[in-house]
Amino acid sequence: MDASSAAKRGRALAAASSSGRLADVERLLAAGADVHAYDDISLLLASEKGHAAVVALLIAAGANVRALEDLALRTATENGHDQVVRLLLAAGCGAC
């Protein structure tokens, strides 16, 4: 996969994650989208919006729950997304 294609898939993954489109996230990951693209922005966006199923999928795909100093956890907490907070904590986010 060339850099341009990888960047497009990374942006598409971020957009799908932000919108909570689970099937699209699954398809993009299966097609080789990098779960770590743009400092794991897909996890951050899904966490911010409270898309728990997408968050769980991204974690299972290896997303770094500690990226950007636990920003996904802080964002989910600030927005009251308790299910997402629990998923992130269970995956090791916020651990000292």
PDB file of N, CA and C in Angstrom:
ATOM      1  N   MET A   1       0.862  -1.177   0.000  1.00  0.00           N
ATOM      2  CA  MET A   1       0.000   0.000   0.000  1.00  0.00           C
ATOM      3  C   MET A   1       0.902   1.232   0.000  1.00  0.00           C
ATOM      4  N   ASP A   2       0.652   2.160  -0.922  1.00  0.00           N
ATOM      5  CA  ASP A   2       1.478   3.356  -0.973  1.00  0.00           C
ATOM      6  C   ASP A   2       1.031   4.354   0.095  1.00  0.00           C
ATOM      7  N   ALA A   3       1.862   5.376   0.316  1.00  0.00           N
ATOM      8  CA  ALA A   3       1.589   6.347   1.378  1.00  0.00           C
ATOM      9  C   ALA A   3       0.280   7.088   1.162  1.00  0.00           C
ATOM     10  N   SER A   4      -0.021   7.415  -0.088  1.00  0.00           N
ATOM     11  CA  SER A   4      -1.259   8.126  -0.387  1.00  0.00           C
ATOM     12  C   SER A   4      -2.482   7.271  -0.050  1.00  0.00           C
ATOM     13  N   SER A   5      -2.420   6.014  -0.413  1.00  0.00           N
ATOM     14  CA  SER A   5      -3.516   5.092  -0.121  1.00  0.00           C
ATOM     15  C   SER A   5      -3.660   4.884   1.391  1.00  0.00           C
ATOM     16  N   ALA A   6      -2.540   4.758   2.077  1.00  0.00           N
ATOM     17  CA  ALA A   6      -2.568   4.583   3.534  1.00  0.00           C
ATOM     18  C   ALA A   6      -3.172   5.806   4.207  1.00  0.00           C
ATOM     19  N   ALA A   7      -2.818   6.999   3.734  1.00  0.00           N
ATOM     20  CA  ALA A   7      -3.361   8.228   4.308  1.00  0.00           C
ATOM     21  C   ALA A   7      -4.868   8.316   4.081  1.00  0.00           C
ATOM     22  N   LYS A   8      -5.309   7.930   2.889  1.00  0.00           N
ATOM     23  CA  LYS A   8      -6.746   7.949   2.595  1.00  0.00           C
ATOM     24  C   LYS A   8      -7.502   6.992   3.502  1.00  0.00           C
ATOM     25  N   ARG A   9      -6.942   5.802   3.683  1.00  0.00           N
ATOM     26  CA  ARG A   9      -7.601   4.830   4.568  1.00  0.00           C
ATOM     27  C   ARG A   9      -7.609   5.332   6.011  1.00  0.00           C
ATOM     28  N   GLY A  10      -6.540   5.982   6.429  1.00  0.00           N
ATOM     29  CA  GLY A  10      -6.495   6.537   7.776  1.00  0.00           C
ATOM     30  C   GLY A  10      -7.559   7.602   7.989  1.00  0.00           C
ATOM     31  N   ARG A  11      -7.719   8.468   6.995  1.00  0.00           N
ATOM     32  CA  ARG A  11      -8.757   9.501   7.095  1.00  0.00           C
ATOM     33  C   ARG A  11     -10.151   8.888   7.060  1.00  0.00           C
ATOM     34  N   ALA A  12     -10.339   7.889   6.214  1.00  0.00           N
ATOM     35  CA  ALA A  12     -11.638   7.217   6.133  1.00  0.00           C
ATOM     36  C   ALA A  12     -11.960   6.506   7.442  1.00  0.00           C
ATOM     37  N   LEU A  13     -10.950   5.895   8.051  1.00  0.00           N
ATOM     38  CA  LEU A  13     -11.157   5.214   9.337  1.00  0.00           C
ATOM     39  C   LEU A  13     -11.546   6.228  10.411  1.00  0.00           C
ATOM     40  N   ALA A  14     -10.884   7.364  10.415  1.00  0.00           N
ATOM     41  CA  ALA A  14     -11.219   8.406  11.386  1.00  0.00           C
ATOM     42  C   ALA A  14     -12.652   8.892  11.188  1.00  0.00           C
ATOM     43  N   ALA A  15     -13.052   9.113   9.952  1.00  0.00           N
ATOM     44  CA  ALA A  15     -14.411   9.591   9.669  1.00  0.00           C
ATOM     45  C   ALA A  15     -15.456   8.554  10.072  1.00  0.00           C
ATOM     46  N   ALA A  16     -15.212   7.303   9.737  1.00  0.00           N
ATOM     47  CA  ALA A  16     -16.158   6.240  10.085  1.00  0.00           C
ATOM     48  C   ALA A  16     -16.249   6.071  11.601  1.00  0.00           C
ATOM     49  N   SER A  17     -15.116   6.168  12.274  1.00  0.00           N
ATOM     50  CA  SER A  17     -15.096   6.025  13.736  1.00  0.00           C
ATOM     51  C   SER A  17     -15.850   7.158  14.405  1.00  0.00           C
ATOM     52  N   SER A  18     -15.639   8.366  13.912  1.00  0.00           N
ATOM     53  CA  SER A  18     -16.306   9.537  14.470  1.00  0.00           C
ATOM     54  C   SER A  18     -17.819   9.455  14.304  1.00  0.00           C
ATOM     55  N   SER A  19     -18.247   8.852  13.201  1.00  0.00           N
ATOM     56  CA  SER A  19     -19.680   8.742  12.907  1.00  0.00           C
ATOM     57  C   SER A  19     -20.317   7.491  13.495  1.00  0.00           C
ATOM     58  N   GLY A  20     -19.502   6.609  14.067  1.00  0.00           N
ATOM     59  CA  GLY A  20     -20.037   5.395  14.665  1.00  0.00           C
ATOM     60  C   GLY A  20     -20.451   4.346  13.653  1.00  0.00           C
ATOM     61  N   ARG A  21     -19.876   4.390  12.462  1.00  0.00           N
ATOM     62  CA  ARG A  21     -20.236   3.442  11.406  1.00  0.00           C
ATOM     63  C   ARG A  21     -19.405   2.166  11.558  1.00  0.00           C
ATOM     64  N   LEU A  22     -19.878   1.289  12.405  1.00  0.00           N
ATOM     65  CA  LEU A  22     -19.157   0.074  12.775  1.00  0.00           C
ATOM     66  C   LEU A  22     -18.796  -0.778  11.568  1.00  0.00           C
ATOM     67  N   ALA A  23     -19.726  -0.999  10.659  1.00  0.00           N
ATOM     68  CA  ALA A  23     -19.458  -1.836   9.488  1.00  0.00           C
ATOM     69  C   ALA A  23     -18.348  -1.239   8.629  1.00  0.00           C
ATOM     70  N   ASP A  24     -18.337   0.069   8.499  1.00  0.00           N
ATOM     71  CA  ASP A  24     -17.284   0.721   7.723  1.00  0.00           C
ATOM     72  C   ASP A  24     -15.933   0.601   8.423  1.00  0.00           C
ATOM     73  N   VAL A  25     -15.932   0.744   9.734  1.00  0.00           N
ATOM     74  CA  VAL A  25     -14.687   0.588  10.496  1.00  0.00           C
ATOM     75  C   VAL A  25     -14.149  -0.830  10.315  1.00  0.00           C
ATOM     76  N   GLU A  26     -15.032  -1.815  10.429  1.00  0.00           N
ATOM     77  CA  GLU A  26     -14.619  -3.213  10.228  1.00  0.00           C
ATOM     78  C   GLU A  26     -14.033  -3.420   8.840  1.00  0.00           C
ATOM     79  N   ARG A  27     -14.707  -2.887   7.824  1.00  0.00           N
ATOM     80  CA  ARG A  27     -14.255  -3.034   6.444  1.00  0.00           C
ATOM     81  C   ARG A  27     -12.896  -2.372   6.235  1.00  0.00           C
ATOM     82  N   LEU A  28     -12.730  -1.175   6.762  1.00  0.00           N
ATOM     83  CA  LEU A  28     -11.472  -0.453   6.590  1.00  0.00           C
ATOM     84  C   LEU A  28     -10.316  -1.154   7.301  1.00  0.00           C
ATOM     85  N   LEU A  29     -10.568  -1.649   8.491  1.00  0.00           N
ATOM     86  CA  LEU A  29      -9.515  -2.383   9.206  1.00  0.00           C
ATOM     87  C   LEU A  29      -9.145  -3.653   8.446  1.00  0.00           C
ATOM     88  N   ALA A  30     -10.143  -4.347   7.926  1.00  0.00           N
ATOM     89  CA  ALA A  30      -9.883  -5.562   7.149  1.00  0.00           C
ATOM     90  C   ALA A  30      -9.096  -5.258   5.878  1.00  0.00           C
ATOM     91  N   ALA A  31      -9.285  -4.052   5.341  1.00  0.00           N
ATOM     92  CA  ALA A  31      -8.589  -3.644   4.117  1.00  0.00           C
ATOM     93  C   ALA A  31      -7.193  -3.088   4.406  1.00  0.00           C
ATOM     94  N   GLY A  32      -6.825  -3.063   5.688  1.00  0.00           N
ATOM     95  CA  GLY A  32      -5.473  -2.642   6.030  1.00  0.00           C
ATOM     96  C   GLY A  32      -5.325  -1.231   6.551  1.00  0.00           C
ATOM     97  N   ALA A  33      -6.424  -0.567   6.895  1.00  0.00           N
ATOM     98  CA  ALA A  33      -6.304   0.771   7.475  1.00  0.00           C
ATOM     99  C   ALA A  33      -5.518   0.676   8.783  1.00  0.00           C
ATOM    100  N   ASP A  34      -4.659   1.645   9.002  1.00  0.00           N
ATOM    101  CA  ASP A  34      -3.795   1.661  10.184  1.00  0.00           C
ATOM    102  C   ASP A  34      -4.555   2.225  11.381  1.00  0.00           C
ATOM    103  N   VAL A  35      -4.787   1.389  12.362  1.00  0.00           N
ATOM    104  CA  VAL A  35      -5.515   1.800  13.558  1.00  0.00           C
ATOM    105  C   VAL A  35      -4.766   2.908  14.307  1.00  0.00           C
ATOM    106  N   HIS A  36      -3.458   3.020  14.061  1.00  0.00           N
ATOM    107  CA  HIS A  36      -2.640   4.029  14.741  1.00  0.00           C
ATOM    108  C   HIS A  36      -2.479   5.320  13.946  1.00  0.00           C
ATOM    109  N   ALA A  37      -3.132   5.410  12.791  1.00  0.00           N
ATOM    110  CA  ALA A  37      -2.977   6.601  11.946  1.00  0.00           C
ATOM    111  C   ALA A  37      -3.299   7.873  12.720  1.00  0.00           C
ATOM    112  N   TYR A  38      -2.490   8.881  12.474  1.00  0.00           N
ATOM    113  CA  TYR A  38      -2.699  10.198  13.081  1.00  0.00           C
ATOM    114  C   TYR A  38      -2.825  10.110  14.604  1.00  0.00           C
ATOM    115  N   ASP A  39      -1.869   9.434  15.230  1.00  0.00           N
ATOM    116  CA  ASP A  39      -1.837   9.300  16.696  1.00  0.00           C
ATOM    117  C   ASP A  39      -3.119   8.680  17.260  1.00  0.00           C
ATOM    118  N   ASP A  40      -3.591   7.625  16.608  1.00  0.00           N
ATOM    119  CA  ASP A  40      -4.776   6.898  17.077  1.00  0.00           C
ATOM    120  C   ASP A  40      -6.008   7.800  17.158  1.00  0.00           C
ATOM    121  N   ILE A  41      -6.130   8.698  16.194  1.00  0.00           N
ATOM    122  CA  ILE A  41      -7.243   9.648  16.186  1.00  0.00           C
ATOM    123  C   ILE A  41      -8.597   8.960  16.086  1.00  0.00           C
ATOM    124  N   SER A  42      -8.660   7.814  15.443  1.00  0.00           N
ATOM    125  CA  SER A  42      -9.945   7.114  15.311  1.00  0.00           C
ATOM    126  C   SER A  42     -10.495   6.735  16.679  1.00  0.00           C
ATOM    127  N   LEU A  43      -9.620   6.260  17.558  1.00  0.00           N
ATOM    128  CA  LEU A  43     -10.053   5.909  18.916  1.00  0.00           C
ATOM    129  C   LEU A  43     -10.518   7.161  19.661  1.00  0.00           C
ATOM    130  N   LEU A  44      -9.782   8.231  19.521  1.00  0.00           N
ATOM    131  CA  LEU A  44     -10.157   9.476  20.184  1.00  0.00           C
ATOM    132  C   LEU A  44     -11.532   9.958  19.712  1.00  0.00           C
ATOM    133  N   LEU A  45     -11.752   9.957  18.408  1.00  0.00           N
ATOM    134  CA  LEU A  45     -13.024  10.448  17.872  1.00  0.00           C
ATOM    135  C   LEU A  45     -14.196   9.564  18.281  1.00  0.00           C
ATOM    136  N   ALA A  46     -14.015   8.259  18.235  1.00  0.00           N
ATOM    137  CA  ALA A  46     -15.089   7.346  18.650  1.00  0.00           C
ATOM    138  C   ALA A  46     -15.380   7.507  20.141  1.00  0.00           C
ATOM    139  N   SER A  47     -14.334   7.699  20.932  1.00  0.00           N
ATOM    140  CA  SER A  47     -14.503   7.885  22.376  1.00  0.00           C
ATOM    141  C   SER A  47     -15.237   9.182  22.679  1.00  0.00           C
ATOM    142  N   GLU A  48     -14.862  10.233  21.976  1.00  0.00           N
ATOM    143  CA  GLU A  48     -15.485  11.543  22.163  1.00  0.00           C
ATOM    144  C   GLU A  48     -16.981  11.495  21.882  1.00  0.00           C
ATOM    145  N   LYS A  49     -17.372  10.721  20.872  1.00  0.00           N
ATOM    146  CA  LYS A  49     -18.782  10.646  20.478  1.00  0.00           C
ATOM    147  C   LYS A  49     -19.556   9.551  21.205  1.00  0.00           C
ATOM    148  N   GLY A  50     -18.853   8.704  21.973  1.00  0.00           N
ATOM    149  CA  GLY A  50     -19.540   7.665  22.731  1.00  0.00           C
ATOM    150  C   GLY A  50     -19.904   6.426  21.936  1.00  0.00           C
ATOM    151  N   HIS A  51     -19.179   6.152  20.871  1.00  0.00           N
ATOM    152  CA  HIS A  51     -19.461   4.987  20.031  1.00  0.00           C
ATOM    153  C   HIS A  51     -18.742   3.761  20.614  1.00  0.00           C
ATOM    154  N   ALA A  52     -19.364   3.150  21.624  1.00  0.00           N
ATOM    155  CA  ALA A  52     -18.727   2.071  22.376  1.00  0.00           C
ATOM    156  C   ALA A  52     -18.357   0.874  21.507  1.00  0.00           C
ATOM    157  N   ALA A  53     -19.215   0.480  20.586  1.00  0.00           N
ATOM    158  CA  ALA A  53     -18.907  -0.678  19.741  1.00  0.00           C
ATOM    159  C   ALA A  53     -17.686  -0.414  18.870  1.00  0.00           C
ATOM    160  N   VAL A  54     -17.573   0.802  18.367  1.00  0.00           N
ATOM    161  CA  VAL A  54     -16.406   1.171  17.556  1.00  0.00           C
ATOM    162  C   VAL A  54     -15.164   1.205  18.436  1.00  0.00           C
ATOM    163  N   VAL A  55     -15.277   1.771  19.614  1.00  0.00           N
ATOM    164  CA  VAL A  55     -14.142   1.802  20.546  1.00  0.00           C
ATOM    165  C   VAL A  55     -13.665   0.386  20.843  1.00  0.00           C
ATOM    166  N   ALA A  56     -14.599  -0.509  21.121  1.00  0.00           N
ATOM    167  CA  ALA A  56     -14.231  -1.901  21.417  1.00  0.00           C
ATOM    168  C   ALA A  56     -13.513  -2.542  20.231  1.00  0.00           C
ATOM    169  N   LEU A  57     -13.997  -2.283  19.035  1.00  0.00           N
ATOM    170  CA  LEU A  57     -13.369  -2.836  17.834  1.00  0.00           C
ATOM    171  C   LEU A  57     -11.958  -2.277  17.641  1.00  0.00           C
ATOM    172  N   LEU A  58     -11.801  -0.979  17.822  1.00  0.00           N
ATOM    173  CA  LEU A  58     -10.486  -0.363  17.665  1.00  0.00           C
ATOM    174  C   LEU A  58      -9.500  -0.880  18.712  1.00  0.00           C
ATOM    175  N   ILE A  59      -9.969  -1.062  19.926  1.00  0.00           N
ATOM    176  CA  ILE A  59      -9.110  -1.629  20.971  1.00  0.00           C
ATOM    177  C   ILE A  59      -8.695  -3.044  20.588  1.00  0.00           C
ATOM    178  N   ALA A  60      -9.647  -3.833  20.118  1.00  0.00           N
ATOM    179  CA  ALA A  60      -9.338  -5.210  19.701  1.00  0.00           C
ATOM    180  C   ALA A  60      -8.344  -5.231  18.538  1.00  0.00           C
ATOM    181  N   ALA A  61      -8.369  -4.183  17.717  1.00  0.00           N
ATOM    182  CA  ALA A  61      -7.454  -4.090  16.576  1.00  0.00           C
ATOM    183  C   ALA A  61      -6.087  -3.547  16.982  1.00  0.00           C
ATOM    184  N   GLY A  62      -5.945  -3.214  18.263  1.00  0.00           N
ATOM    185  CA  GLY A  62      -4.639  -2.787  18.756  1.00  0.00           C
ATOM    186  C   GLY A  62      -4.443  -1.300  18.943  1.00  0.00           C
ATOM    187  N   ALA A  63      -5.519  -0.528  18.936  1.00  0.00           N
ATOM    188  CA  ALA A  63      -5.383   0.917  19.150  1.00  0.00           C
ATOM    189  C   ALA A  63      -4.687   1.190  20.480  1.00  0.00           C
ATOM    190  N   ASN A  64      -3.904   2.237  20.493  1.00  0.00           N
ATOM    191  CA  ASN A  64      -3.165   2.630  21.694  1.00  0.00           C
ATOM    192  C   ASN A  64      -4.077   3.463  22.584  1.00  0.00           C
ATOM    193  N   VAL A  65      -4.586   2.854  23.629  1.00  0.00           N
ATOM    194  CA  VAL A  65      -5.518   3.556  24.518  1.00  0.00           C
ATOM    195  C   VAL A  65      -4.822   4.649  25.313  1.00  0.00           C
ATOM    196  N   ARG A  66      -3.492   4.622  25.354  1.00  0.00           N
ATOM    197  CA  ARG A  66      -2.734   5.634  26.098  1.00  0.00           C
ATOM    198  C   ARG A  66      -2.260   6.782  25.208  1.00  0.00           C
ATOM    199  N   ALA A  67      -2.631   6.767  23.932  1.00  0.00           N
ATOM    200  CA  ALA A  67      -2.176   7.796  22.991  1.00  0.00           C
ATOM    201  C   ALA A  67      -2.545   9.189  23.484  1.00  0.00           C
ATOM    202  N   LEU A  68      -1.659  10.111  23.202  1.00  0.00           N
ATOM    203  CA  LEU A  68      -1.875  11.518  23.545  1.00  0.00           C
ATOM    204  C   LEU A  68      -2.233  11.691  25.013  1.00  0.00           C
ATOM    205  N   GLU A  69      -1.485  10.979  25.846  1.00  0.00           N
ATOM    206  CA  GLU A  69      -1.635  11.085  27.307  1.00  0.00           C
ATOM    207  C   GLU A  69      -3.063  10.815  27.774  1.00  0.00           C
ATOM    208  N   ASP A  70      -3.616   9.701  27.296  1.00  0.00           N
ATOM    209  CA  ASP A  70      -4.952   9.252  27.714  1.00  0.00           C
ATOM    210  C   ASP A  70      -6.073  10.210  27.302  1.00  0.00           C
ATOM    211  N   LEU A  71      -5.892  10.892  26.190  1.00  0.00           N
ATOM    212  CA  LEU A  71      -6.890  11.866  25.751  1.00  0.00           C
ATOM    213  C   LEU A  71      -8.243  11.219  25.462  1.00  0.00           C
ATOM    214  N   ALA A  72      -8.250  10.002  24.952  1.00  0.00           N
ATOM    215  CA  ALA A  72      -9.531   9.327  24.691  1.00  0.00           C
ATOM    216  C   ALA A  72     -10.316   9.148  25.992  1.00  0.00           C
ATOM    217  N   LEU A  73      -9.623   8.742  27.042  1.00  0.00           N
ATOM    218  CA  LEU A  73     -10.279   8.561  28.345  1.00  0.00           C
ATOM    219  C   LEU A  73     -10.795   9.887  28.885  1.00  0.00           C
ATOM    220  N   ARG A  74      -9.972  10.910  28.826  1.00  0.00           N
ATOM    221  CA  ARG A  74     -10.400  12.218  29.340  1.00  0.00           C
ATOM    222  C   ARG A  74     -11.604  12.740  28.568  1.00  0.00           C
ATOM    223  N   THR A  75     -11.573  12.577  27.260  1.00  0.00           N
ATOM    224  CA  THR A  75     -12.676  13.061  26.422  1.00  0.00           C
ATOM    225  C   THR A  75     -13.962  12.289  26.698  1.00  0.00           C
ATOM    226  N   ALA A  76     -13.853  10.974  26.792  1.00  0.00           N
ATOM    227  CA  ALA A  76     -15.045  10.161  27.084  1.00  0.00           C
ATOM    228  C   ALA A  76     -15.613  10.512  28.453  1.00  0.00           C
ATOM    229  N   THR A  77     -14.738  10.730  29.413  1.00  0.00           N
ATOM    230  CA  THR A  77     -15.181  11.092  30.760  1.00  0.00           C
ATOM    231  C   THR A  77     -15.898  12.438  30.755  1.00  0.00           C
ATOM    232  N   GLU A  78     -15.285  13.421  30.106  1.00  0.00           N
ATOM    233  CA  GLU A  78     -15.879  14.762  30.052  1.00  0.00           C
ATOM    234  C   GLU A  78     -17.245  14.763  29.372  1.00  0.00           C
ATOM    235  N   ASN A  79     -17.441  13.853  28.427  1.00  0.00           N
ATOM    236  CA  ASN A  79     -18.704  13.797  27.691  1.00  0.00           C
ATOM    237  C   ASN A  79     -19.706  12.811  28.285  1.00  0.00           C
ATOM    238  N   GLY A  80     -19.363  12.203  29.413  1.00  0.00           N
ATOM    239  CA  GLY A  80     -20.297  11.326  30.104  1.00  0.00           C
ATOM    240  C   GLY A  80     -20.555   9.995  29.429  1.00  0.00           C
ATOM    241  N   HIS A  81     -19.576   9.489  28.676  1.00  0.00           N
ATOM    242  CA  HIS A  81     -19.736   8.212  27.980  1.00  0.00           C
ATOM    243  C   HIS A  81     -19.182   7.075  28.847  1.00  0.00           C
ATOM    244  N   ASP A  82     -19.988   6.686  29.846  1.00  0.00           N
ATOM    245  CA  ASP A  82     -19.540   5.727  30.847  1.00  0.00           C
ATOM    246  C   ASP A  82     -19.119   4.382  30.269  1.00  0.00           C
ATOM    247  N   GLN A  83     -19.844   3.879  29.285  1.00  0.00           N
ATOM    248  CA  GLN A  83     -19.494   2.584  28.696  1.00  0.00           C
ATOM    249  C   GLN A  83     -18.124   2.656  28.020  1.00  0.00           C
ATOM    250  N   VAL A  84     -17.855   3.741  27.340  1.00  0.00           N
ATOM    251  CA  VAL A  84     -16.563   3.934  26.687  1.00  0.00           C
ATOM    252  C   VAL A  84     -15.465   4.054  27.744  1.00  0.00           C
ATOM    253  N   VAL A  85     -15.726   4.791  28.799  1.00  0.00           N
ATOM    254  CA  VAL A  85     -14.754   4.925  29.885  1.00  0.00           C
ATOM    255  C   VAL A  85     -14.394   3.548  30.433  1.00  0.00           C
ATOM    256  N   ARG A  86     -15.394   2.707  30.660  1.00  0.00           N
ATOM    257  CA  ARG A  86     -15.132   1.363  31.186  1.00  0.00           C
ATOM    258  C   ARG A  86     -14.288   0.540  30.216  1.00  0.00           C
ATOM    259  N   LEU A  87     -14.581   0.635  28.927  1.00  0.00           N
ATOM    260  CA  LEU A  87     -13.795  -0.097  27.919  1.00  0.00           C
ATOM    261  C   LEU A  87     -12.332   0.363  27.926  1.00  0.00           C
ATOM    262  N   LEU A  88     -12.135   1.660  27.983  1.00  0.00           N
ATOM    263  CA  LEU A  88     -10.777   2.194  27.962  1.00  0.00           C
ATOM    264  C   LEU A  88     -10.005   1.813  29.226  1.00  0.00           C
ATOM    265  N   LEU A  89     -10.666   1.889  30.359  1.00  0.00           N
ATOM    266  CA  LEU A  89     -10.006   1.507  31.618  1.00  0.00           C
ATOM    267  C   LEU A  89      -9.657   0.026  31.614  1.00  0.00           C
ATOM    268  N   ALA A  90     -10.567  -0.796  31.136  1.00  0.00           N
ATOM    269  CA  ALA A  90     -10.315  -2.247  31.080  1.00  0.00           C
ATOM    270  C   ALA A  90      -9.149  -2.581  30.158  1.00  0.00           C
ATOM    271  N   ALA A  91      -8.918  -1.719  29.161  1.00  0.00           N
ATOM    272  CA  ALA A  91      -7.826  -1.939  28.210  1.00  0.00           C
ATOM    273  C   ALA A  91      -6.502  -1.347  28.702  1.00  0.00           C
ATOM    274  N   GLY A  92      -6.495  -0.753  29.883  1.00  0.00           N
ATOM    275  CA  GLY A  92      -5.256  -0.237  30.447  1.00  0.00           C
ATOM    276  C   GLY A  92      -5.080   1.262  30.371  1.00  0.00           C
ATOM    277  N   CYS A  93      -6.057   1.961  29.893  1.00  0.00           N
ATOM    278  CA  CYS A  93      -5.968   3.409  29.824  1.00  0.00           C
ATOM    279  C   CYS A  93      -6.013   3.994  31.229  1.00  0.00           C
ATOM    280  N   GLY A  94      -5.207   5.007  31.462  1.00  0.00           N
ATOM    281  CA  GLY A  94      -5.200   5.651  32.758  1.00  0.00           C
ATOM    282  C   GLY A  94      -4.376   4.932  33.794  1.00  0.00           C
ATOM    283  N   ALA A  95      -3.747   3.824  33.401  1.00  0.00           N
ATOM    284  CA  ALA A  95      -2.907   3.074  34.343  1.00  0.00           C
ATOM    285  C   ALA A  95      -1.621   3.833  34.598  1.00  0.00           C
ATOM    286  N   CYS A  96      -1.174   3.774  35.813  1.00  0.00           N
ATOM    287  CA  CYS A  96       0.084   4.467  36.168  1.00  0.00           C
ATOM    288  C   CYS A  96       1.282   3.586  35.892  1.00  0.00           C
TER     289      CYS A  96
END
